[in-house]
Protein backbone atom coordinates (compact mmCIF):
# COMPACT_ATOMS: atom_id res chain seq x y z
CA MET A 1 0.08 0.04 0.10
CA GLY A 2 2.97 2.39 -0.18
CA GLY A 3 4.80 3.55 -3.25
CA TRP A 4 2.95 4.94 -6.31
CA SER A 5 2.89 3.38 -9.64
CA PRO A 6 0.08 4.61 -11.82
CA TRP A 7 -0.29 1.30 -13.60
CA ALA A 8 -0.03 -0.82 -10.46
CA LEU A 9 -3.23 -2.60 -10.58
CA ASP A 10 -5.01 -3.98 -7.38
CA PRO A 11 -4.40 -7.82 -7.32
CA GLY A 12 -7.68 -9.75 -7.32
CA LEU A 13 -9.60 -7.01 -9.00
CA ARG A 14 -7.64 -5.70 -11.94
CA SER A 15 -9.10 -5.70 -15.37
CA THR A 16 -7.57 -7.94 -18.07
CA THR A 17 -7.41 -5.06 -20.22
CA GLY A 18 -5.56 -1.72 -20.08
CA PHE A 19 -1.91 -0.51 -20.41
CA THR A 20 0.46 -1.80 -17.82
CA VAL A 21 4.18 -0.95 -17.21
CA ASN A 22 6.82 -2.74 -15.27
CA LEU A 23 6.47 -1.90 -11.60
CA ARG A 24 10.19 -1.57 -11.08
CA PHE A 25 10.40 0.82 -13.95
CA MET A 26 7.63 3.08 -12.43
CA HIS A 27 9.45 3.09 -9.24
CA ILE A 28 12.49 4.35 -10.89
CA VAL A 29 10.50 7.01 -12.47
CA ASP A 30 8.94 7.86 -9.16
CA TYR A 31 12.46 8.24 -7.74
CA TRP A 32 14.46 9.99 -10.33
CA ALA A 33 11.70 12.20 -11.39
CA GLY A 34 9.86 12.55 -8.17
CA VAL A 35 12.69 13.56 -5.91
CA PRO A 36 14.00 16.50 -7.88
CA LEU A 37 10.41 17.63 -8.40
CA CYS A 38 9.49 17.49 -4.80
CA LEU A 39 12.88 19.38 -4.07
CA ALA A 40 11.82 22.12 -6.42
CA VAL A 41 8.27 22.51 -5.12
CA SER A 42 9.67 22.58 -1.70
CA ALA A 43 11.90 25.56 -2.72
CA VAL A 44 8.80 27.42 -4.26
CA ASP A 45 6.62 26.65 -1.33
CA ARG A 46 9.38 28.11 1.03
CA VAL A 47 9.35 31.30 -1.01
CA ARG A 48 5.66 31.25 -1.09
CA GLY A 49 5.58 30.97 2.68
CA TRP A 50 7.68 34.08 3.20
CA LEU A 51 5.43 36.15 0.87
CA ALA A 52 1.89 34.81 1.71
CA SER A 53 -0.27 34.78 4.64
CA PRO A 54 -0.55 31.57 6.94
CA PRO A 55 -2.85 28.94 5.78
CA PRO A 56 -6.49 29.17 6.80
CA ASP A 57 -7.62 27.50 9.95
CA PRO A 58 -9.62 25.30 10.25
CA PRO A 59 -10.10 23.43 7.07
CA GLY A 60 -13.32 24.04 5.24
CA ARG A 61 -13.29 21.89 1.94
CA MET A 62 -11.21 18.65 1.97
CA LEU A 63 -9.75 16.46 -0.64
CA LEU A 64 -8.65 12.81 0.20
CA ILE A 65 -6.05 11.38 -2.06
CA GLU A 66 -5.62 7.66 -2.34
CA LEU A 67 -5.08 6.65 -5.86
CA SER A 68 -3.81 3.11 -6.18
CA GLU A 69 -5.42 0.62 -3.65
CA MET A 70 -9.21 -0.06 -3.99
CA GLY A 71 -9.16 -2.06 -0.46
CA SER A 72 -7.40 0.91 1.18
CA ALA A 73 -10.78 2.89 1.12
CA VAL A 74 -12.29 0.40 3.55
CA LEU A 75 -9.24 0.66 5.95
CA ALA A 76 -9.78 4.53 5.52
CA CYS A 77 -13.44 4.26 6.47
CA SER A 78 -12.78 5.82 10.04
CA ALA A 79 -10.73 8.70 8.43
CA ILE A 80 -13.63 9.40 5.83
CA ARG A 81 -16.29 9.43 8.42
CA GLU A 82 -14.04 11.81 10.47
CA ALA A 83 -13.85 14.25 7.67
CA VAL A 84 -17.64 14.01 6.74
CA SER A 85 -18.35 14.42 10.39
CA ARG A 86 -16.38 17.65 10.79
CA LEU A 87 -17.03 19.28 7.37
CA GLY A 88 -20.26 17.63 6.09
CA ALA A 89 -20.40 15.30 3.02
CA ASP A 90 -20.84 18.24 0.71
CA ASN A 91 -17.46 19.64 1.64
CA VAL A 92 -15.17 16.31 1.17
CA TRP A 93 -13.92 15.01 -2.00
CA PHE A 94 -12.06 11.88 -2.92
CA LEU A 95 -9.34 11.50 -5.77
CA ILE A 96 -8.76 7.88 -6.84
CA PHE A 97 -7.98 5.76 -10.05
CA GLU A 98 -11.20 5.43 -12.28
CA ARG A 99 -10.53 1.78 -12.11
CA ASN A 100 -10.85 1.95 -8.12
CA ARG A 101 -13.73 4.29 -7.98
CA GLU A 102 -16.15 1.67 -6.82
CA GLY A 103 -14.07 0.97 -3.78
CA VAL A 104 -15.11 4.47 -2.44
CA SER A 105 -18.58 4.73 -3.75
CA VAL A 106 -19.81 1.43 -2.20
CA LEU A 107 -18.96 2.91 1.06
CA GLY A 108 -21.77 5.40 0.57
CA LEU A 109 -19.89 8.23 2.62
CA ILE A 110 -19.03 10.68 -0.06
CA PRO A 111 -21.44 11.78 -2.83
CA ASP A 112 -20.62 10.33 -6.31
CA GLY A 113 -20.22 13.58 -7.82
CA HIS A 114 -17.46 14.30 -5.31
CA ILE A 115 -15.30 11.12 -6.25
CA LEU A 116 -12.64 12.61 -8.67
CA THR A 117 -10.99 9.94 -11.00
CA VAL A 118 -7.79 9.54 -12.89
CA ASP A 119 -7.50 7.30 -15.90
CA ASP A 120 -4.33 5.15 -15.77
CA ARG A 121 -4.97 3.20 -18.92
CA SER A 122 -2.61 5.34 -20.92
CA PHE A 123 0.07 7.90 -20.22
CA GLY A 124 -1.84 10.59 -22.14
CA GLY A 125 -5.14 9.75 -20.50
CA PHE A 126 -3.36 9.89 -17.06
CA LEU A 127 -2.01 13.40 -17.82
CA ALA A 128 -5.42 14.71 -19.08
CA THR A 129 -7.49 13.41 -16.36
CA VAL A 130 -5.00 14.53 -13.64
CA LEU A 131 -5.15 18.02 -15.12
CA ARG A 132 -8.92 18.00 -15.18
CA ALA A 133 -9.04 16.87 -11.55
CA LEU A 134 -6.72 19.60 -10.46
CA ALA A 135 -8.79 22.02 -12.32
CA ARG A 136 -11.92 20.83 -10.39
CA CYS A 137 -10.11 21.11 -7.10
CA ARG A 138 -9.39 24.87 -7.79
CA ALA A 139 -12.85 25.54 -9.14
CA GLU A 140 -14.11 23.95 -5.92
CA ARG A 141 -11.78 26.13 -3.81
CA ILE A 142 -10.57 22.98 -1.93
CA ASP A 143 -8.47 24.43 0.84
CA THR A 144 -7.29 21.18 2.40
CA ALA A 145 -5.65 18.10 0.95
CA VAL A 146 -4.93 14.89 2.82
CA ASP A 147 -2.42 12.37 1.18
CA LEU A 148 -3.46 8.85 2.40
CA GLU A 149 -0.62 7.20 0.28
CA LEU A 150 2.50 6.02 1.84
CA PHE A 151 5.52 8.09 0.58
CA SER A 152 4.19 8.47 -2.99
CA ARG A 153 5.88 11.46 -4.52
CA ALA A 154 3.28 11.58 -7.20
CA THR A 155 0.22 12.16 -4.65
CA ALA A 156 2.44 14.59 -2.58
CA LEU A 157 2.68 16.73 -5.73
CA LEU A 158 -1.05 16.37 -6.43
CA ALA A 159 -1.90 17.62 -3.03
CA TYR A 160 0.33 20.68 -3.57
CA LEU A 161 -1.01 21.29 -7.01
CA SER A 162 -4.60 20.98 -5.90
CA GLY A 163 -4.19 24.53 -4.53
CA ALA A 164 -4.86 23.45 -0.99
CA ARG A 165 -3.20 25.75 1.57
CA ILE A 166 -3.41 23.00 4.28
CA ARG A 167 -1.71 19.72 3.33
CA SER A 168 -1.52 16.71 5.46
CA GLY A 169 0.78 13.85 4.69
CA LEU A 170 3.04 11.24 6.10
CA SER A 171 6.67 12.32 6.85
CA ALA A 172 9.70 10.16 7.44
CA GLY A 173 10.87 12.60 10.16
CA ARG A 174 14.64 12.21 10.48
CA ASN A 175 14.78 8.74 9.05
CA GLU A 176 16.99 8.53 5.94
CA GLY A 177 15.38 7.96 2.46
CA LEU A 178 11.71 8.37 1.40
CA TYR A 179 12.22 11.90 0.66
CA ARG A 180 9.27 13.78 -0.95
CA GLY A 181 9.77 17.36 -0.06
CA SER A 182 8.99 19.67 2.75
CA PHE A 183 5.73 21.22 1.62
CA PHE A 184 3.17 19.48 3.77
CA SER A 185 1.99 22.11 6.20
CA HIS A 186 0.78 19.50 8.63
CA PRO A 187 3.24 16.59 8.35
CA VAL A 188 2.43 13.48 10.33
CA LEU A 189 5.35 11.33 11.55
CA TYR A 190 4.93 7.66 9.89
CA SER A 191 5.20 4.84 12.36
CA PRO A 192 5.34 1.12 11.39
CA HIS A 193 3.76 0.23 14.75
CA HIS A 194 0.23 1.45 14.16
CA HIS A 195 -2.40 -0.16 12.18
CA MET A 196 -3.20 1.70 8.87
CA THR A 197 -6.75 2.52 10.07
CA ARG A 198 -5.28 4.73 12.93
CA THR A 199 -2.51 6.32 10.51
CA TYR A 200 -5.27 7.39 8.02
CA LEU A 201 -7.31 8.91 11.03
CA ALA A 202 -4.31 10.58 12.34
CA LEU A 203 -3.86 12.23 8.78
CA VAL A 204 -7.29 13.75 8.79
CA ARG A 205 -7.15 14.85 12.38
CA ALA A 206 -3.66 16.44 11.79
CA ALA A 207 -5.25 18.71 9.14
CA PHE A 208 -7.37 20.37 11.96
CA ALA A 209 -4.48 20.59 14.33
CA PRO A 210 -2.94 24.10 15.07
CA ARG A 211 0.54 24.48 13.77
CA SER A 212 1.56 25.84 17.10
CA ASN A 213 1.64 22.19 18.33
CA GLY A 214 4.96 21.87 16.52
CA GLU A 215 6.27 18.81 14.47
CA PRO A 216 5.89 16.07 14.04
CA LEU A 217 2.03 15.73 14.33
CA LEU A 218 -0.16 14.23 15.61
CA LYS A 219 0.11 14.99 19.28
CA GLU A 220 -3.18 13.70 20.55
CA PRO A 221 -4.42 10.06 21.23
CA VAL A 222 -6.10 8.51 18.28
CA ALA A 223 -8.49 5.63 18.47
CA THR A 224 -10.44 4.52 15.47
CA ASP A 225 -14.30 4.61 15.90
CA ASP A 226 -16.24 1.54 16.83
CA ALA A 227 -18.73 1.91 14.26
CA PRO A 228 -19.48 -1.08 11.97
CA LEU A 229 -18.33 -1.01 8.25
CA PRO A 230 -21.09 0.07 6.01
CA ARG A 231 -23.24 -2.62 4.63
CA PHE A 232 -23.34 -3.17 0.94
CA GLN A 233 -26.74 -2.88 -0.77
CA ALA A 234 -27.09 -4.15 -4.15
CA SER A 235 -29.42 -2.81 -6.97
CA ARG A 236 -31.99 -5.13 -8.37
CA GLU A 237 -30.00 -5.22 -11.73
CA VAL A 238 -26.88 -6.57 -9.70
CA ILE A 239 -29.08 -9.00 -7.89
CA ASP A 240 -30.50 -10.51 -10.97
CA SER A 241 -27.01 -10.66 -12.64
CA ILE A 242 -25.60 -12.86 -9.76
CA ASP A 243 -28.85 -14.88 -9.63
CA ARG A 244 -27.80 -15.83 -13.31
CA VAL A 245 -24.10 -16.45 -12.17
CA LEU A 246 -25.47 -18.88 -9.55
CA ALA A 247 -27.96 -20.48 -11.61
CA ASP A 248 -26.13 -23.90 -11.53
CA ARG A 249 -25.54 -23.80 -7.79
CA PRO A 250 -26.99 -27.02 -6.21
CA ALA A 251 -30.15 -26.22 -4.11
CA GLY A 252 -29.41 -26.00 -0.27
CA SER A 253 -25.60 -25.68 -0.82
CA ARG A 254 -23.38 -23.39 1.06
CA LEU A 255 -20.65 -21.44 -0.88
CA VAL A 256 -17.05 -21.19 0.27
CA PHE A 257 -15.21 -18.74 -1.98
CA PHE A 258 -11.45 -19.06 -2.76
CA ASN A 259 -9.65 -16.04 -4.00
CA PRO A 260 -6.10 -17.07 -5.06
CA ASP A 261 -4.91 -14.73 -7.84
CA PRO A 262 -1.97 -12.40 -6.75
CA GLY A 263 -1.98 -10.42 -9.85
CA LEU A 264 1.20 -8.41 -9.99
CA LEU A 265 2.59 -9.44 -6.53
CA PRO A 266 3.30 -13.28 -6.98
CA LEU A 267 4.85 -13.18 -3.37
CA ARG A 268 1.33 -12.82 -1.99
CA ALA A 269 0.23 -16.11 -3.49
CA TRP A 270 -0.79 -19.15 -1.45
CA PRO A 271 0.22 -22.41 -3.48
CA GLU A 272 -2.59 -23.70 -5.81
CA GLN A 273 -2.02 -27.06 -4.26
CA HIS A 274 -2.84 -25.66 -0.86
CA PHE A 275 -6.06 -24.21 -2.13
CA ALA A 276 -6.77 -27.66 -3.71
CA ARG A 277 -6.19 -29.63 -0.65
CA LEU A 278 -8.31 -27.20 1.39
CA GLY A 279 -11.06 -27.70 -1.15
CA ALA A 280 -10.74 -31.42 -0.58
CA LEU A 281 -10.95 -31.10 3.03
CA LEU A 282 -14.08 -28.84 3.03
CA THR A 283 -16.00 -30.97 0.72
CA VAL A 284 -15.33 -34.08 2.52
CA ALA A 285 -16.18 -32.58 5.85
CA PHE A 286 -19.17 -30.74 4.82
CA PRO A 287 -21.46 -32.49 2.33
CA ASP A 288 -23.48 -29.28 1.55
CA VAL A 289 -20.49 -27.01 0.85
CA VAL A 290 -19.50 -26.10 -2.85
CA VAL A 291 -16.12 -24.49 -3.41
CA ALA A 292 -16.26 -21.46 -5.88
CA VAL A 293 -13.08 -19.66 -7.13
CA VAL A 294 -13.52 -16.01 -7.98
CA GLY A 295 -11.23 -13.67 -9.93
CA VAL A 296 -10.84 -11.93 -13.09
CA GLU A 297 -10.94 -13.72 -16.31
CA ARG A 298 -7.25 -14.28 -16.51
CA ALA A 299 -7.46 -16.33 -13.35
CA GLY A 300 -9.69 -19.04 -15.09
CA PRO A 301 -6.96 -21.63 -15.52
CA ILE A 302 -5.85 -21.02 -11.77
CA ALA A 303 -9.35 -21.88 -10.74
CA ASP A 304 -9.54 -24.95 -12.96
CA ARG A 305 -6.28 -26.40 -11.44
CA ILE A 306 -7.57 -25.74 -7.85
CA LEU A 307 -10.96 -27.34 -8.57
CA SER A 308 -9.88 -30.29 -10.83
CA GLY A 309 -9.86 -32.81 -8.10
CA LEU A 310 -13.29 -32.01 -6.60
CA PRO A 311 -16.67 -33.70 -7.83
CA SER A 312 -18.28 -31.64 -10.56
CA GLU A 313 -21.36 -30.85 -8.41
CA ARG A 314 -19.11 -29.46 -5.55
CA ARG A 315 -17.18 -26.78 -7.60
CA LEU A 316 -17.96 -23.65 -9.38
CA ASN A 317 -15.44 -21.65 -11.47
CA LEU A 318 -16.53 -17.90 -11.30
CA ALA A 319 -13.54 -16.29 -12.47
CA GLY A 320 -14.49 -13.56 -14.84
CA ARG A 321 -18.07 -14.01 -14.08
CA THR A 322 -18.39 -10.58 -12.28
CA ARG A 323 -18.11 -7.42 -14.21
CA THR A 324 -18.10 -4.93 -11.31
CA LEU A 325 -17.21 -4.71 -7.70
CA ALA A 326 -21.04 -4.31 -6.77
CA GLU A 327 -21.46 -7.82 -8.35
CA LEU A 328 -18.59 -9.35 -6.57
CA LEU A 329 -19.69 -8.04 -3.18
CA GLU A 330 -23.28 -9.48 -3.85
CA LEU A 331 -21.76 -12.56 -4.84
CA PHE A 332 -19.88 -12.71 -1.37
CA SER A 333 -23.28 -11.82 0.25
CA ARG A 334 -24.48 -15.22 -0.89
CA GLY A 335 -21.60 -17.17 0.59
CA THR A 336 -20.69 -18.43 3.91
CA ALA A 337 -16.99 -18.13 3.93
CA LEU A 338 -14.09 -16.44 1.88
CA VAL A 339 -10.57 -17.65 1.79
CA THR A 340 -8.21 -14.95 0.17
CA ILE A 341 -4.95 -13.81 -0.18
CA ASP A 342 -4.13 -10.34 1.27
CA SER A 343 -5.72 -8.17 -1.56
CA GLY A 344 -8.49 -5.94 -2.45
CA PRO A 345 -11.34 -8.53 -1.87
CA ALA A 346 -9.91 -9.36 1.65
CA HIS A 347 -10.85 -5.71 2.70
CA LEU A 348 -14.11 -4.96 0.35
CA SER A 349 -15.71 -8.24 1.45
CA GLY A 350 -15.90 -6.83 4.96
CA LEU A 351 -18.87 -4.61 3.56
CA THR A 352 -20.85 -7.97 3.60
CA ASP A 353 -21.69 -10.62 6.34
CA ILE A 354 -19.40 -13.28 5.08
CA PHE A 355 -16.88 -14.86 7.32
CA ARG A 356 -13.34 -14.10 6.08
CA VAL A 357 -9.93 -15.86 6.33
CA VAL A 358 -7.09 -13.71 5.03
CA LEU A 359 -3.61 -15.17 4.43
CA PHE A 360 -0.81 -12.80 5.03
CA GLY A 361 2.99 -13.39 4.28
CA PRO A 362 5.11 -10.50 2.84
CA GLU A 363 2.83 -7.96 4.58
CA THR A 364 1.91 -7.86 8.04
CA PRO A 365 -1.79 -8.01 9.58
CA ARG A 366 -0.54 -5.68 12.29
CA LEU A 367 -0.60 -2.98 9.81
CA TYR A 368 -3.05 -4.07 7.15
CA GLY A 369 -5.37 -6.49 8.87
CA PRO A 370 -8.79 -6.08 7.38
CA ALA A 371 -11.31 -3.86 9.15
CA GLY A 372 -14.72 -5.30 10.32
CA ASP A 373 -15.86 -8.26 12.06
CA ARG A 374 -16.04 -12.02 11.21
CA VAL A 375 -12.52 -12.04 10.20
CA GLU A 376 -9.63 -14.25 11.00
CA VAL A 377 -5.83 -14.07 9.68
CA CYS A 378 -3.47 -16.60 8.95
CA HIS A 379 0.17 -15.63 9.20
CA ALA A 380 3.33 -17.91 9.73
CA GLY A 381 5.22 -15.08 11.45
CA LEU A 382 8.71 -15.91 9.92
CA PRO A 383 11.62 -13.62 10.94
CA CYS A 384 11.86 -12.47 7.21
CA SER A 385 8.22 -11.56 7.20
CA PRO A 386 7.03 -8.92 6.31
CA CYS A 387 9.50 -7.99 3.68
CA PHE A 388 7.07 -5.52 2.06
CA SER A 389 7.19 -2.24 3.78
CA ALA A 390 6.70 1.60 3.08
CA ALA A 391 10.38 1.77 2.46
CA ASN A 392 10.76 -0.66 -0.28
CA HIS A 393 7.49 0.06 -2.16
CA ARG A 394 6.55 -3.70 -2.04
CA THR A 395 9.64 -4.90 -3.69
CA SER A 396 11.64 -7.79 -2.33
CA ALA A 397 14.60 -10.06 -3.15
CA CYS A 398 12.55 -13.06 -2.00
CA THR A 399 11.85 -15.89 -4.63
CA ASP A 400 10.48 -18.44 -2.09
CA ASN A 401 7.44 -17.11 -0.12
CA GLN A 402 7.88 -19.74 2.57
CA CYS A 403 5.84 -17.13 4.83
CA LEU A 404 2.69 -18.34 2.99
CA ARG A 405 3.77 -21.88 2.03
CA GLN A 406 4.04 -22.67 5.62
CA ILE A 407 0.40 -21.91 6.21
CA THR A 408 -1.02 -25.31 5.76
CA PRO A 409 -4.40 -26.30 4.40
CA GLU A 410 -5.29 -27.98 7.58
CA GLN A 411 -4.53 -24.77 9.60
CA VAL A 412 -7.02 -22.76 7.19
CA PHE A 413 -9.43 -25.54 7.47
CA GLU A 414 -9.44 -25.39 11.43
CA THR A 415 -9.92 -21.67 11.06
CA LEU A 416 -12.78 -21.98 8.82
CA ARG A 417 -14.51 -24.84 10.94
CA PRO A 418 -16.24 -22.60 13.64
CA ALA A 419 -18.03 -20.48 10.72
CA LEU A 420 -19.15 -23.85 8.93
CA GLY A 421 -20.24 -25.92 11.95
CA THR A 422 -19.04 -29.26 13.35
């Protein structure tokens, strides 16, 4: 969830079409172009600070920026609620990639007309939609920008170019590296010891803090709210669509979904043979369970391999059968349990009542554990895990993800058993 790449598609939800660029290449661009740009903007901001009046206090119209992760909108739910509670929904906007827009809209917290989007399918489309979004920010007279990304230089620059005088974003403090300028008016010290729900909330609250409090912010206790996640409500069209998808489901059966596709981050994959073994355990122990594999169309062969050993009436390959996030959530609402790698569906499924088991390896549930109830995580806790962090933009030298391979199908089965009965 850290490090920006305009074509870094969210594993588990990404389209099979669209322009993609090597992630490593984009990290290089973000560093070699982003660092000098942030340095230049910092100098400009310093001069402006000498000439202009102090930023307005308190905020009046706020932009939240989180481009590249659909699931992060669920983790940011408390932060979004805080902004809406303080300013009203009509004074809060959200900037996100167009392909991830549904991740914000399904929360029902921000008006659809206030969700600004950037098209990342081509470089030209990206530039055009960025300029359009920035123009909208200035037309709306947004005075506060909160950058929810982890040390993304691109989103830091967008926060500045939005015209907002109050800018809240994560700061590395005196840690080496991760430089992205000094133009946040309300920098929040990043700590790898707090869950991201708390970090996001701190970023919003920091925007309201007087600058006289000194740096780094935030110098007050932060506890996320106890309000449950919003519950997804499907339209009649979506309900009818999923009725057709599940037309072949055996009467009286219970669905257990598997979400195995790691997308662009293969280190987050749980072995296919583990999924297959888990499917066998479930269908033997629970005669009414049908195992269904979800994912984009590209994941079809993965689903076939996982399901190949199960009886035909106990398996469903649903890869590519859902066209939108709304359809995926309605599908989850029909199920009893979901076993998923750490990805967008792990978080977004929290908007339904399905029981979730989320498998963590190169990232840690201490920071990214899904919000909401009815969720359990499986994590081997090896000394080398997590190897993804804010400092390395989810890159690793690892080629053997034992952190996930050592989570056994039997362990996951026992974690699932309470939700399925004895």
